[in-house]
C-alpha atoms as a PDB file:
ATOM      1  CA  MET A   1      76.601 126.522  68.984  1.00  0.00           C
ATOM      2  CA  ASN A   2      79.267 124.270  69.959  1.00  0.00           C
ATOM      3  CA  GLN A   3      79.613 122.214  73.373  1.00  0.00           C
ATOM      4  CA  ALA A   4      81.828 125.614  74.835  1.00  0.00           C
ATOM      5  CA  TYR A   5      78.621 127.681  74.161  1.00  0.00           C
ATOM      6  CA  GLU A   6      75.989 125.598  75.177  1.00  0.00           C
ATOM      7  CA  ARG A   7      77.750 124.718  78.643  1.00  0.00           C
ATOM      8  CA  ILE A   8      78.699 128.362  79.605  1.00  0.00           C
ATOM      9  CA  LYS A   9      74.884 129.273  79.239  1.00  0.00           C
ATOM     10  CA  GLY A  10      73.822 126.242  80.831  1.00  0.00           C
ATOM     11  CA  THR A  11      75.516 127.290  83.678  1.00  0.00           C
ATOM     12  CA  LEU A  12      73.632 130.937  83.683  1.00  0.00           C
ATOM     13  CA  ILE A  13      70.325 129.750  83.155  1.00  0.00           C
ATOM     14  CA  GLY A  14      71.531 127.072  85.823  1.00  0.00           C
ATOM     15  CA  CYS A  15      72.400 129.726  88.278  1.00  0.00           C
ATOM     16  CA  ALA A  16      69.118 131.776  87.796  1.00  0.00           C
ATOM     17  CA  TYR A  17      66.895 128.682  87.440  1.00  0.00           C
ATOM     18  CA  GLY A  18      67.870 127.486  90.926  1.00  0.00           C
ATOM     19  CA  ASP A  19      67.593 131.217  92.102  1.00  0.00           C
ATOM     20  CA  ALA A  20      64.392 131.805  91.731  1.00  0.00           C
ATOM     21  CA  MET A  21      62.935 128.258  92.193  1.00  0.00           C
ATOM     22  CA  GLY A  22      64.619 128.701  95.775  1.00  0.00           C
ATOM     23  CA  MET A  23      63.816 132.330  96.422  1.00  0.00           C
ATOM     24  CA  PRO A  24      59.671 131.146  97.668  1.00  0.00           C
ATOM     25  CA  SER A  25      61.315 129.137 100.639  1.00  0.00           C
ATOM     26  CA  GLU A  26      64.629 131.388 101.246  1.00  0.00           C
ATOM     27  CA  MET A  27      65.491 131.122 104.684  1.00  0.00           C
ATOM     28  CA  MET A  28      62.481 129.629 106.129  1.00  0.00           C
ATOM     29  CA  THR A  29      62.162 126.830 108.889  1.00  0.00           C
ATOM     30  CA  ARG A  30      60.983 123.296 108.232  1.00  0.00           C
ATOM     31  CA  ASP A  31      57.816 124.145 110.402  1.00  0.00           C
ATOM     32  CA  ILE A  32      57.207 127.466 107.619  1.00  0.00           C
ATOM     33  CA  LEU A  33      58.332 125.702 104.679  1.00  0.00           C
ATOM     34  CA  ASN A  34      55.395 123.306 105.015  1.00  0.00           C
ATOM     35  CA  LEU A  35      52.643 125.782 106.070  1.00  0.00           C
ATOM     36  CA  ALA A  36      53.241 128.173 103.344  1.00  0.00           C
ATOM     37  CA  PHE A  37      53.828 125.461 100.744  1.00  0.00           C
ATOM     38  CA  PRO A  38      51.939 122.198 101.941  1.00  0.00           C
ATOM     39  CA  ASP A  39      51.685 120.769  98.813  1.00  0.00           C
ATOM     40  CA  GLY A  40      55.626 121.392  97.968  1.00  0.00           C
ATOM     41  CA  ILE A  41      57.427 123.757  95.479  1.00  0.00           C
ATOM     42  CA  HIS A  42      57.201 122.065  92.031  1.00  0.00           C
ATOM     43  CA  HIS A  43      57.405 125.055  89.624  1.00  0.00           C
ATOM     44  CA  PHE A  44      58.476 128.632  89.558  1.00  0.00           C
ATOM     45  CA  GLU A  45      56.574 130.320  93.014  1.00  0.00           C
ATOM     46  CA  LYS A  46      55.631 133.753  94.209  1.00  0.00           C
ATOM     47  CA  SER A  47      56.481 135.171  97.142  1.00  0.00           C
ATOM     48  CA  SER A  48      53.885 133.668 100.307  1.00  0.00           C
ATOM     49  CA  SER A  49      52.268 135.622 102.642  1.00  0.00           C
ATOM     50  CA  LEU A  50      55.004 133.894 104.733  1.00  0.00           C
ATOM     51  CA  ASP A  51      57.971 135.015 103.091  1.00  0.00           C
ATOM     52  CA  PHE A  52      61.204 135.790 105.667  1.00  0.00           C
ATOM     53  CA  PHE A  53      61.991 139.410 104.303  1.00  0.00           C
ATOM     54  CA  GLY A  54      58.346 140.039 103.768  1.00  0.00           C
ATOM     55  CA  ARG A  55      59.132 140.494  99.984  1.00  0.00           C
ATOM     56  CA  LYS A  56      56.302 140.711  97.173  1.00  0.00           C
ATOM     57  CA  PHE A  57      58.449 138.633  94.562  1.00  0.00           C
ATOM     58  CA  SER A  58      56.452 137.543  91.557  1.00  0.00           C
ATOM     59  CA  ALA A  59      57.407 134.078  90.005  1.00  0.00           C
ATOM     60  CA  GLY A  60      60.794 133.612  88.650  1.00  0.00           C
ATOM     61  CA  THR A  61      62.315 136.437  90.298  1.00  0.00           C
ATOM     62  CA  VAL A  62      65.895 135.736  91.269  1.00  0.00           C
ATOM     63  CA  THR A  63      67.751 137.588  94.026  1.00  0.00           C
ATOM     64  CA  ASP A  64      71.523 138.236  94.747  1.00  0.00           C
ATOM     65  CA  ASP A  65      73.012 134.909  93.543  1.00  0.00           C
ATOM     66  CA  THR A  66      72.010 135.847  90.183  1.00  0.00           C
ATOM     67  CA  ILE A  67      72.360 139.535  90.374  1.00  0.00           C
ATOM     68  CA  ASN A  68      76.140 139.452  91.408  1.00  0.00           C
ATOM     69  CA  THR A  69      76.972 136.290  89.209  1.00  0.00           C
ATOM     70  CA  LEU A  70      75.521 138.667  86.462  1.00  0.00           C
ATOM     71  CA  LEU A  71      77.628 141.535  88.328  1.00  0.00           C
ATOM     72  CA  VAL A  72      80.690 139.271  87.977  1.00  0.00           C
ATOM     73  CA  CYS A  73      80.290 138.736  84.377  1.00  0.00           C
ATOM     74  CA  ASP A  74      79.780 142.454  83.402  1.00  0.00           C
ATOM     75  CA  THR A  75      83.093 142.808  85.075  1.00  0.00           C
ATOM     76  CA  ILE A  76      85.049 140.707  83.035  1.00  0.00           C
ATOM     77  CA  LEU A  77      83.397 141.598  79.656  1.00  0.00           C
ATOM     78  CA  GLU A  78      84.072 145.189  80.343  1.00  0.00           C
ATOM     79  CA  ASN A  79      87.733 144.689  81.683  1.00  0.00           C
ATOM     80  CA  HIS A  80      88.956 142.794  77.957  1.00  0.00           C
ATOM     81  CA  GLY A  81      88.270 139.422  79.684  1.00  0.00           C
ATOM     82  CA  GLU A  82      89.912 139.450  83.205  1.00  0.00           C
ATOM     83  CA  PHE A  83      88.549 139.610  86.362  1.00  0.00           C
ATOM     84  CA  GLU A  84      90.411 142.231  88.825  1.00  0.00           C
ATOM     85  CA  THR A  85      88.638 142.891  92.370  1.00  0.00           C
ATOM     86  CA  ILE A  86      88.076 146.616  92.269  1.00  0.00           C
ATOM     87  CA  PRO A  87      86.570 147.096  88.868  1.00  0.00           C
ATOM     88  CA  TYR A  88      83.980 144.428  90.156  1.00  0.00           C
ATOM     89  CA  LEU A  89      83.887 145.978  93.665  1.00  0.00           C
ATOM     90  CA  THR A  90      82.471 149.484  91.972  1.00  0.00           C
ATOM     91  CA  LYS A  91      80.352 147.873  90.181  1.00  0.00           C
ATOM     92  CA  LEU A  92      78.447 146.197  92.725  1.00  0.00           C
ATOM     93  CA  GLN A  93      78.778 149.450  95.334  1.00  0.00           C
ATOM     94  CA  THR A  94      77.198 151.199  92.091  1.00  0.00           C
ATOM     95  CA  TRP A  95      74.366 148.518  91.978  1.00  0.00           C
ATOM     96  CA  MET A  96      73.720 148.913  95.391  1.00  0.00           C
ATOM     97  CA  ASP A  97      73.505 152.009  95.922  1.00  0.00           C
ATOM     98  CA  ASP A  98      71.027 152.356  92.843  1.00  0.00           C
ATOM     99  CA  ASN A  99      69.149 149.672  94.284  1.00  0.00           C
ATOM    100  CA  ALA A 100      68.760 150.425  97.772  1.00  0.00           C
ATOM    101  CA  GLU A 101      65.031 149.797  98.477  1.00  0.00           C
ATOM    102  CA  ILE A 102      65.286 145.736  97.780  1.00  0.00           C
ATOM    103  CA  ASN A 103      68.861 145.854  99.351  1.00  0.00           C
ATOM    104  CA  PRO A 104      68.105 144.743 102.684  1.00  0.00           C
ATOM    105  CA  TYR A 105      66.025 141.341 100.791  1.00  0.00           C
ATOM    106  CA  VAL A 106      68.887 140.408  98.217  1.00  0.00           C
ATOM    107  CA  ILE A 107      72.301 141.089  99.814  1.00  0.00           C
ATOM    108  CA  GLY A 108      73.962 138.847 102.089  1.00  0.00           C
ATOM    109  CA  PRO A 109      75.218 139.695 105.567  1.00  0.00           C
ATOM    110  CA  SER A 110      78.863 139.494 104.883  1.00  0.00           C
ATOM    111  CA  THR A 111      78.447 141.827 101.780  1.00  0.00           C
ATOM    112  CA  ALA A 112      76.904 144.127 103.559  1.00  0.00           C
ATOM    113  CA  LYS A 113      79.024 144.102 106.467  1.00  0.00           C
ATOM    114  CA  ALA A 114      82.098 144.428 104.615  1.00  0.00           C
ATOM    115  CA  LEU A 115      81.186 147.255 101.755  1.00  0.00           C
ATOM    116  CA  ASN A 116      79.989 149.497 104.719  1.00  0.00           C
ATOM    117  CA  ALA A 117      82.849 148.540 105.994  1.00  0.00           C
ATOM    118  CA  ILE A 118      85.111 149.874 103.208  1.00  0.00           C
ATOM    119  CA  LYS A 119      82.498 152.978 102.667  1.00  0.00           C
ATOM    120  CA  LYS A 120      83.752 154.129 106.211  1.00  0.00           C
ATOM    121  CA  GLY A 121      87.586 153.912 105.105  1.00  0.00           C
ATOM    122  CA  THR A 122      88.518 150.013 105.837  1.00  0.00           C
ATOM    123  CA  PRO A 123      91.315 148.752 102.985  1.00  0.00           C
ATOM    124  CA  ILE A 124      89.886 146.276 100.855  1.00  0.00           C
ATOM    125  CA  SER A 125      92.462 143.910 102.592  1.00  0.00           C
ATOM    126  CA  GLU A 126      90.866 143.738 105.865  1.00  0.00           C
ATOM    127  CA  ALA A 127      87.119 144.301 104.991  1.00  0.00           C
ATOM    128  CA  GLY A 128      86.610 140.675 103.942  1.00  0.00           C
ATOM    129  CA  LYS A 129      89.279 138.951 106.728  1.00  0.00           C
ATOM    130  CA  TYR A 130      86.005 137.558 108.835  1.00  0.00           C
ATOM    131  CA  GLY A 131      83.545 136.828 106.141  1.00  0.00           C
ATOM    132  CA  THR A 132      82.358 133.023 106.052  1.00  0.00           C
ATOM    133  CA  THR A 133      79.619 132.791 104.266  1.00  0.00           C
ATOM    134  CA  ASN A 134      78.709 131.572 100.706  1.00  0.00           C
ATOM    135  CA  GLY A 135      78.503 134.704  99.258  1.00  0.00           C
ATOM    136  CA  SER A 136      81.583 134.124  97.087  1.00  0.00           C
ATOM    137  CA  ALA A 137      80.612 130.983  95.962  1.00  0.00           C
ATOM    138  CA  MET A 138      76.944 132.178  94.939  1.00  0.00           C
ATOM    139  CA  LYS A 139      78.525 134.343  92.242  1.00  0.00           C
ATOM    140  CA  VAL A 140      81.830 132.700  91.211  1.00  0.00           C
ATOM    141  CA  SER A 141      80.816 130.937  88.183  1.00  0.00           C
ATOM    142  CA  PRO A 142      82.326 132.801  85.547  1.00  0.00           C
ATOM    143  CA  LEU A 143      85.461 132.871  86.921  1.00  0.00           C
ATOM    144  CA  GLY A 144      84.857 129.148  86.219  1.00  0.00           C
ATOM    145  CA  ILE A 145      84.409 129.907  83.066  1.00  0.00           C
ATOM    146  CA  LEU A 146      86.400 132.029  82.142  1.00  0.00           C
ATOM    147  CA  TYR A 147      90.074 130.220  84.090  1.00  0.00           C
ATOM    148  CA  ASP A 148      91.261 127.096  83.523  1.00  0.00           C
ATOM    149  CA  TYR A 149      91.299 124.803  86.387  1.00  0.00           C
ATOM    150  CA  HIS A 150      94.851 122.756  85.472  1.00  0.00           C
ATOM    151  CA  ASP A 151      96.624 125.609  86.774  1.00  0.00           C
ATOM    152  CA  VAL A 152      95.557 124.861  90.168  1.00  0.00           C
ATOM    153  CA  LYS A 153      97.763 127.879  92.099  1.00  0.00           C
ATOM    154  CA  GLY A 154      96.772 130.204  89.122  1.00  0.00           C
ATOM    155  CA  PHE A 155      93.027 128.941  89.516  1.00  0.00           C
ATOM    156  CA  VAL A 156      92.520 129.858  92.885  1.00  0.00           C
ATOM    157  CA  ASP A 157      94.855 133.550  92.213  1.00  0.00           C
ATOM    158  CA  LYS A 158      91.473 134.294  90.581  1.00  0.00           C
ATOM    159  CA  ILE A 159      89.055 133.158  93.164  1.00  0.00           C
ATOM    160  CA  GLU A 160      90.979 134.832  96.092  1.00  0.00           C
ATOM    161  CA  MET A 161      90.448 137.916  93.943  1.00  0.00           C
ATOM    162  CA  LEU A 162      86.888 137.262  93.823  1.00  0.00           C
ATOM    163  CA  CYS A 163      86.580 136.941  97.634  1.00  0.00           C
ATOM    164  CA  LEU A 164      89.151 139.408  99.043  1.00  0.00           C
ATOM    165  CA  PRO A 165      86.659 142.305  99.719  1.00  0.00           C
ATOM    166  CA  THR A 166      83.682 140.419 101.490  1.00  0.00           C
ATOM    167  CA  HIS A 167      84.448 136.537 102.077  1.00  0.00           C
ATOM    168  CA  HIS A 168      88.775 136.609 102.537  1.00  0.00           C
ATOM    169  CA  THR A 169      88.214 133.371 105.071  1.00  0.00           C
ATOM    170  CA  ASN A 170      90.156 130.189 104.546  1.00  0.00           C
ATOM    171  CA  ILE A 171      86.499 128.623 104.303  1.00  0.00           C
ATOM    172  CA  ALA A 172      84.927 131.075 101.919  1.00  0.00           C
ATOM    173  CA  ILE A 173      87.639 130.863  99.252  1.00  0.00           C
ATOM    174  CA  ALA A 174      87.666 126.799  99.705  1.00  0.00           C
ATOM    175  CA  GLY A 175      83.957 126.730  99.495  1.00  0.00           C
ATOM    176  CA  ALA A 176      84.512 129.205  96.521  1.00  0.00           C
ATOM    177  CA  SER A 177      86.975 127.194  94.535  1.00  0.00           C
ATOM    178  CA  TRP A 178      85.050 124.306  94.397  1.00  0.00           C
ATOM    179  CA  VAL A 179      82.380 125.627  92.753  1.00  0.00           C
ATOM    180  CA  ALA A 180      84.259 127.100  90.326  1.00  0.00           C
ATOM    181  CA  ALA A 181      86.301 124.191  89.675  1.00  0.00           C
ATOM    182  CA  CYS A 182      83.293 122.106  88.966  1.00  0.00           C
ATOM    183  CA  VAL A 183      82.489 124.552  86.591  1.00  0.00           C
ATOM    184  CA  SER A 184      85.660 125.203  84.616  1.00  0.00           C
ATOM    185  CA  TYR A 185      85.783 121.042  84.395  1.00  0.00           C
ATOM    186  CA  ALA A 186      82.790 120.732  82.769  1.00  0.00           C
ATOM    187  CA  VAL A 187      83.025 124.303  80.519  1.00  0.00           C
ATOM    188  CA  ARG A 188      85.945 122.493  79.266  1.00  0.00           C
ATOM    189  CA  GLY A 189      84.082 119.482  78.058  1.00  0.00           C
ATOM    190  CA  GLY A 190      84.349 117.488  81.499  1.00  0.00           C
ATOM    191  CA  SER A 191      81.236 115.282  81.754  1.00  0.00           C
ATOM    192  CA  ASP A 192      82.662 112.606  84.274  1.00  0.00           C
ATOM    193  CA  TYR A 193      81.009 114.007  87.613  1.00  0.00           C
ATOM    194  CA  GLN A 194      83.427 111.674  89.526  1.00  0.00           C
ATOM    195  CA  GLN A 195      86.266 113.163  87.836  1.00  0.00           C
ATOM    196  CA  MET A 196      84.826 116.638  88.231  1.00  0.00           C
ATOM    197  CA  PHE A 197      83.913 116.401  91.800  1.00  0.00           C
ATOM    198  CA  ALA A 198      87.901 114.658  92.769  1.00  0.00           C
ATOM    199  CA  THR A 199      89.502 117.554  90.587  1.00  0.00           C
ATOM    200  CA  ALA A 200      87.589 120.346  92.553  1.00  0.00           C
ATOM    201  CA  GLN A 201      88.588 118.442  95.624  1.00  0.00           C
ATOM    202  CA  ILE A 202      92.205 119.077  95.057  1.00  0.00           C
ATOM    203  CA  ILE A 203      91.244 122.792  94.178  1.00  0.00           C
ATOM    204  CA  LEU A 204      88.874 123.568  97.585  1.00  0.00           C
ATOM    205  CA  GLU A 205      92.438 121.992  98.975  1.00  0.00           C
ATOM    206  CA  GLU A 206      94.381 125.062  97.561  1.00  0.00           C
ATOM    207  CA  GLY A 207      91.949 127.573  98.642  1.00  0.00           C
ATOM    208  CA  MET A 208      92.158 126.175 102.110  1.00  0.00           C
ATOM    209  CA  HIS A 209      95.368 127.969 102.600  1.00  0.00           C
ATOM    210  CA  ARG A 210      94.432 131.460 101.696  1.00  0.00           C
ATOM    211  CA  GLY A 211      92.844 134.240 103.838  1.00  0.00           C
ATOM    212  CA  THR A 212      92.545 134.298 107.078  1.00  0.00           C
ATOM    213  CA  GLN A 213      93.076 131.177 108.517  1.00  0.00           C
ATOM    214  CA  LEU A 214      89.901 130.463 111.120  1.00  0.00           C
ATOM    215  CA  PRO A 215      89.104 127.417 112.899  1.00  0.00           C
ATOM    216  CA  CYS A 216      86.389 125.357 111.202  1.00  0.00           C
ATOM    217  CA  PRO A 217      85.027 121.920 111.189  1.00  0.00           C
ATOM    218  CA  SER A 218      86.942 119.851 107.816  1.00  0.00           C
ATOM    219  CA  LEU A 219      85.018 121.055 104.722  1.00  0.00           C
ATOM    220  CA  GLN A 220      86.701 117.958 103.028  1.00  0.00           C
ATOM    221  CA  GLU A 221      85.555 115.591 106.161  1.00  0.00           C
ATOM    222  CA  ARG A 222      82.092 117.026 106.023  1.00  0.00           C
ATOM    223  CA  MET A 223      81.530 116.306 102.117  1.00  0.00           C
ATOM    224  CA  SER A 224      82.567 112.952 102.415  1.00  0.00           C
ATOM    225  CA  ASN A 225      80.139 112.085 105.481  1.00  0.00           C
ATOM    226  CA  ILE A 226      77.034 113.350 104.088  1.00  0.00           C
ATOM    227  CA  LYS A 227      77.065 111.121 100.669  1.00  0.00           C
ATOM    228  CA  GLU A 228      75.571 108.552 103.533  1.00  0.00           C
ATOM    229  CA  LEU A 229      72.253 110.641 102.785  1.00  0.00           C
ATOM    230  CA  CYS A 230      71.962 110.036  99.652  1.00  0.00           C
ATOM    231  CA  LYS A 231      71.367 106.396 100.500  1.00  0.00           C
ATOM    232  CA  VAL A 232      67.868 107.138 102.608  1.00  0.00           C
ATOM    233  CA  ASP A 233      65.120 105.899 101.111  1.00  0.00           C
ATOM    234  CA  THR A 234      62.689 108.966 101.295  1.00  0.00           C
ATOM    235  CA  ASP A 235      63.129 112.819 100.118  1.00  0.00           C
ATOM    236  CA  ALA A 236      61.733 113.789 103.534  1.00  0.00           C
ATOM    237  CA  GLU A 237      64.116 111.287 105.470  1.00  0.00           C
ATOM    238  CA  PHE A 238      66.730 113.319 103.221  1.00  0.00           C
ATOM    239  CA  TYR A 239      65.883 116.569 104.335  1.00  0.00           C
ATOM    240  CA  GLN A 240      65.232 115.624 107.938  1.00  0.00           C
ATOM    241  CA  LYS A 241      69.259 114.303 108.250  1.00  0.00           C
ATOM    242  CA  LEU A 242      70.711 117.649 105.869  1.00  0.00           C
ATOM    243  CA  GLU A 243      68.701 119.903 108.006  1.00  0.00           C
ATOM    244  CA  GLY A 244      69.047 118.699 111.232  1.00  0.00           C
ATOM    245  CA  ILE A 245      72.452 116.815 111.054  1.00  0.00           C
ATOM    246  CA  TYR A 246      74.929 119.035 108.495  1.00  0.00           C
ATOM    247  CA  GLY A 247      72.726 122.245 107.893  1.00  0.00           C
ATOM    248  CA  SER A 248      71.508 123.959 104.751  1.00  0.00           C
ATOM    249  CA  GLY A 249      72.070 127.707 106.180  1.00  0.00           C
ATOM    250  CA  MET A 250      74.191 130.379 104.716  1.00  0.00           C
ATOM    251  CA  GLU A 251      77.016 129.538 106.283  1.00  0.00           C
ATOM    252  CA  THR A 252      79.930 128.090 103.319  1.00  0.00           C
ATOM    253  CA  ILE A 253      80.576 125.045 105.891  1.00  0.00           C
ATOM    254  CA  GLU A 254      76.958 124.148 105.388  1.00  0.00           C
ATOM    255  CA  THR A 255      76.156 125.393 102.045  1.00  0.00           C
ATOM    256  CA  ILE A 256      78.964 123.335 100.034  1.00  0.00           C
ATOM    257  CA  PRO A 257      78.166 119.948 101.635  1.00  0.00           C
ATOM    258  CA  ALA A 258      74.693 120.586 101.282  1.00  0.00           C
ATOM    259  CA  VAL A 259      75.238 121.326  97.665  1.00  0.00           C
ATOM    260  CA  TYR A 260      77.140 118.576  97.457  1.00  0.00           C
ATOM    261  CA  ALA A 261      74.590 115.829  98.688  1.00  0.00           C
ATOM    262  CA  ILE A 262      72.209 117.581  96.712  1.00  0.00           C
ATOM    263  CA  LEU A 263      73.643 116.916  93.491  1.00  0.00           C
ATOM    264  CA  LEU A 264      74.565 113.319  94.300  1.00  0.00           C
ATOM    265  CA  ARG A 265      70.790 112.826  95.544  1.00  0.00           C
ATOM    266  CA  SER A 266      69.527 114.316  92.029  1.00  0.00           C
ATOM    267  CA  ASN A 267      71.868 112.165  90.216  1.00  0.00           C
ATOM    268  CA  CYS A 268      72.854 115.818  88.456  1.00  0.00           C
ATOM    269  CA  ASN A 269      69.192 116.372  86.799  1.00  0.00           C
ATOM    270  CA  PRO A 270      68.564 119.834  86.611  1.00  0.00           C
ATOM    271  CA  ASN A 271      64.863 120.357  87.259  1.00  0.00           C
ATOM    272  CA  ARG A 272      65.512 117.438  90.076  1.00  0.00           C
ATOM    273  CA  THR A 273      68.105 119.796  91.728  1.00  0.00           C
ATOM    274  CA  ALA A 274      66.213 122.918  91.327  1.00  0.00           C
ATOM    275  CA  LEU A 275      63.448 121.066  92.765  1.00  0.00           C
ATOM    276  CA  LEU A 276      65.312 119.371  95.853  1.00  0.00           C
ATOM    277  CA  CYS A 277      66.796 122.930  96.572  1.00  0.00           C
ATOM    278  CA  ALA A 278      63.603 124.554  96.656  1.00  0.00           C
ATOM    279  CA  ASN A 279      62.322 122.466  99.057  1.00  0.00           C
ATOM    280  CA  MET A 280      64.863 122.275 101.516  1.00  0.00           C
ATOM    281  CA  SER A 281      64.743 124.920 104.376  1.00  0.00           C
ATOM    282  CA  GLY A 282      66.965 127.400 105.076  1.00  0.00           C
ATOM    283  CA  ASP A 283      69.580 129.311 102.385  1.00  0.00           C
ATOM    284  CA  SER A 284      67.426 127.543  99.515  1.00  0.00           C
ATOM    285  CA  ASP A 285      67.958 130.046  96.490  1.00  0.00           C
ATOM    286  CA  THR A 286      71.707 130.324  97.091  1.00  0.00           C
ATOM    287  CA  ILE A 287      72.113 126.253  97.388  1.00  0.00           C
ATOM    288  CA  GLY A 288      69.740 125.931  94.562  1.00  0.00           C
ATOM    289  CA  ALA A 289      71.288 128.495  92.615  1.00  0.00           C
ATOM    290  CA  ILE A 290      75.307 126.907  93.434  1.00  0.00           C
ATOM    291  CA  ALA A 291      73.731 123.337  92.760  1.00  0.00           C
ATOM    292  CA  THR A 292      71.808 124.243  89.537  1.00  0.00           C
ATOM    293  CA  VAL A 293      75.187 126.106  88.268  1.00  0.00           C
ATOM    294  CA  ILE A 294      77.012 122.972  88.539  1.00  0.00           C
ATOM    295  CA  VAL A 295      74.315 121.028  86.888  1.00  0.00           C
ATOM    296  CA  GLY A 296      73.745 123.741  83.848  1.00  0.00           C
ATOM    297  CA  ALA A 297      77.276 123.621  83.284  1.00  0.00           C
ATOM    298  CA  VAL A 298      77.450 119.874  82.216  1.00  0.00           C
ATOM    299  CA  ASN A 299      73.980 118.724  81.250  1.00  0.00           C
ATOM    300  CA  PRO A 300      72.409 122.299  79.946  1.00  0.00           C
ATOM    301  CA  ASN A 301      68.937 120.876  79.541  1.00  0.00           C
ATOM    302  CA  PHE A 302      66.113 123.567  80.677  1.00  0.00           C
ATOM    303  CA  GLU A 303      62.970 123.867  78.979  1.00  0.00           C
ATOM    304  CA  ALA A 304      62.694 126.351  76.908  1.00  0.00           C
ATOM    305  CA  ALA A 305      59.305 127.747  79.020  1.00  0.00           C
ATOM    306  CA  ASP A 306      61.603 128.526  81.987  1.00  0.00           C
ATOM    307  CA  ILE A 307      64.192 129.597  80.320  1.00  0.00           C
ATOM    308  CA  ALA A 308      61.854 132.373  78.747  1.00  0.00           C
ATOM    309  CA  ILE A 309      60.453 133.612  81.948  1.00  0.00           C
ATOM    310  CA  LEU A 310      63.536 133.910  83.600  1.00  0.00           C
ATOM    311  CA  GLU A 311      64.966 136.292  80.467  1.00  0.00           C
ATOM    312  CA  LYS A 312      61.465 138.252  80.697  1.00  0.00           C
ATOM    313  CA  ARG A 313      61.056 138.376  84.077  1.00  0.00           C
ATOM    314  CA  ASN A 314      64.413 139.367  84.975  1.00  0.00           C
ATOM    315  CA  THR A 315      65.867 141.175  81.729  1.00  0.00           C
ATOM    316  CA  ILE A 316      68.540 138.750  80.613  1.00  0.00           C
ATOM    317  CA  ASP A 317      69.559 137.620  77.371  1.00  0.00           C
ATOM    318  CA  PHE A 318      71.204 134.152  78.316  1.00  0.00           C
ATOM    319  CA  ASP A 319      72.425 134.212  74.780  1.00  0.00           C
ATOM    320  CA  THR A 320      74.224 137.291  74.599  1.00  0.00           C
ATOM    321  CA  TYR A 321      75.973 136.087  77.572  1.00  0.00           C
ATOM    322  CA  ALA A 322      77.368 132.971  76.748  1.00  0.00           C
ATOM    323  CA  ALA A 323      78.186 134.424  73.463  1.00  0.00           C
ATOM    324  CA  LYS A 324      80.291 137.005  74.634  1.00  0.00           C
ATOM    325  CA  LEU A 325      81.830 134.963  77.646  1.00  0.00           C
ATOM    326  CA  LEU A 326      82.996 132.220  74.880  1.00  0.00           C
ATOM    327  CA  LYS A 327      85.133 134.688  73.340  1.00  0.00           C
ATOM    328  CA  VAL A 328      87.251 135.391  76.551  1.00  0.00           C
ATOM    329  CA  LYS A 329      87.282 131.639  77.917  1.00  0.00           C
ATOM    330  CA  GLN A 330      90.945 131.021  78.203  1.00  0.00           C
END
């Protein structure tokens, strides 16, 4: 298969890989994470007795990061190679209705709030006007696969369509735009990480002008300053500063700088990236999914045994998705 196919497949595997690796530690504090996994997480793990949500998930199980990403893929493929907001929203709502028993464990707060508001009659244009969490950044990678980052305004137009119903704020659109730009750059043959990050910053800045303009810290400044974390000697010190100073929670203003720091710390190695995220307190599965999406798009080097676990446990056919997305890539 050609490079574009392998990188599209790597993007999708990366999402599920980072998601499943980070699932057991999701939303734990540092103290609880150390109790639950005193020797750390080194491979796919099942939910522990200290699971934040009380889940009993098997090792290798994915969460809403992968579920939503594949729903976006399905929307694109069923909509003749284009993304549209309403078909996606319909698909998401149908999935939620059909899986009500696990929704509290896998659907993020901004998404749940917005969908409930829409059900009660709130216009789509209003439902996501205060959504600042990472729910769009976690599922945006298929738009990076589909659309070309060179058309900055047109590219962000598409990202904004995804964010509209649940995360239509400047910070959420900017964060999602950064992730999608990294993927778009990689899928189109780019391999220079510094150039990728520089390109993504330009698209991030365009995203900051979209949606509800809410006051927030500068995402650009946080990402610039957080590079200092990569110079510390140990991972323990890295986590201490990342979690304690910058944060590793579900807000976009924490998630995207954390992803950036992880990528720099791991030298964009897929396994190292996922493990750094899994052993981090906070929103470890989503930060893991996003970070490993980006690495997988450039360096789709995952163990065949791990891919097999992800496919069997979650009933995902990465090859089929990659082949179909390759045909519609613009």
